[in-house]
Protein backbone atom coordinates (compact mmCIF):
# COMPACT_ATOMS: atom_id res chain seq x y z
CA MET A 1 84.15 94.40 112.86
CA THR A 2 88.61 93.86 111.90
CA LYS A 3 90.38 93.47 108.95
CA ALA A 4 89.71 90.34 108.64
CA ASP A 5 86.46 90.75 108.61
CA LEU A 6 86.33 92.81 106.87
CA ILE A 7 88.03 91.24 103.99
CA LYS A 8 85.95 88.03 103.88
CA ALA A 9 82.33 90.65 103.93
CA VAL A 10 83.92 91.88 100.68
CA ALA A 11 84.97 88.02 99.35
CA GLU A 12 81.56 87.35 99.96
CA LYS A 13 79.54 90.49 98.23
CA ALA A 14 82.13 90.10 95.14
CA ASP A 15 82.39 86.92 94.81
CA LEU A 16 86.05 87.20 95.29
CA THR A 17 88.61 84.44 96.38
CA GLN A 18 89.57 86.16 99.64
CA LYS A 19 93.64 86.19 98.38
CA ALA A 20 91.61 88.20 96.20
CA ALA A 21 89.28 90.47 98.51
CA ALA A 22 92.45 91.20 100.71
CA ARG A 23 94.52 92.22 98.03
CA ALA A 24 91.66 94.92 96.88
CA VAL A 25 91.65 96.06 100.60
CA ASP A 26 94.55 95.92 101.21
CA ALA A 27 95.03 98.65 97.96
CA PHE A 28 92.00 100.86 98.80
CA ILE A 29 93.98 101.20 102.28
CA GLU A 30 96.84 101.97 100.79
CA ALA A 31 95.41 104.15 98.28
CA VAL A 32 93.65 106.52 100.85
CA GLN A 33 97.24 106.81 103.03
CA GLU A 34 98.72 108.20 99.78
CA ALA A 35 95.88 110.40 98.87
CA VAL A 36 95.54 111.91 102.81
CA GLY A 37 99.56 111.89 103.24
CA LYS A 38 100.00 114.01 99.86
CA GLY A 39 97.02 116.17 101.70
CA GLU A 40 94.43 115.02 99.79
CA ASP A 41 90.80 114.80 100.70
CA VAL A 42 89.24 111.10 99.46
CA ARG A 43 85.25 111.61 99.42
CA ILE A 44 83.32 108.46 98.69
CA PRO A 45 79.86 109.72 97.91
CA GLY A 46 77.53 107.61 99.78
CA PHE A 47 79.91 106.71 102.52
CA GLY A 48 81.62 109.66 103.82
CA ALA A 49 85.23 111.51 103.69
CA PHE A 50 88.53 111.65 105.01
CA VAL A 51 89.84 115.42 105.15
CA VAL A 52 92.83 116.88 106.31
CA LYS A 53 92.21 119.57 108.55
CA GLU A 54 94.85 122.00 109.37
CA ARG A 55 95.27 122.40 113.73
CA ALA A 56 97.06 125.57 114.57
CA GLU A 57 99.80 126.46 117.61
CA ARG A 58 98.11 126.31 121.16
CA GLN A 59 98.96 126.51 124.44
CA GLY A 60 98.99 123.35 127.21
CA ARG A 61 99.62 122.54 130.16
CA ASP A 62 102.61 119.74 131.30
CA LEU A 63 100.32 117.72 133.61
CA ARG A 64 103.11 116.53 135.66
CA THR A 65 105.08 120.07 136.39
CA GLY A 66 102.17 122.25 135.29
CA GLU A 67 104.56 124.27 133.00
CA VAL A 68 103.13 126.05 130.24
CA ILE A 69 103.93 124.63 126.82
CA THR A 70 103.32 125.06 123.17
CA ILE A 71 101.89 122.56 121.12
CA PRO A 72 103.69 122.89 116.98
CA ALA A 73 101.02 123.17 114.49
CA ARG A 74 100.02 119.84 112.95
CA LYS A 75 97.40 118.36 110.44
CA VAL A 76 94.88 115.96 111.13
CA VAL A 77 93.25 113.16 109.58
CA ALA A 78 89.47 113.92 110.43
CA PHE A 79 85.95 111.14 108.71
CA ARG A 80 82.93 112.57 107.73
CA ALA A 81 80.12 110.71 107.12
CA GLY A 82 78.08 110.90 104.19
CA LYS A 83 74.24 111.23 104.56
CA GLU A 84 73.76 107.28 103.75
CA LEU A 85 75.95 106.16 106.21
CA ARG A 86 74.57 108.38 108.97
CA GLU A 87 70.75 107.21 107.55
CA ALA A 88 71.62 103.59 108.12
CA VAL A 89 73.44 103.81 111.95
CA ASN A 90 69.63 105.65 112.81
């Protein structure tokens, strides 16, 4: 499903115009990005959670030269599906 497909689905299910649905979808995406950017988790009951995880510094290898390099610590975003979403998939 593309963003355009999502907008159409939201417009149909919420009885909105596609323009209003597009604003709603964009606002949702922006709100999630802002919260995750601040390091906050976004939890949507029945759907899932966007969580920020810390990745520790680790050793890696440059595939071209074989040299050992240090990969710096960083934060990553992960999505954990909620129970209802997992059940809908199975």
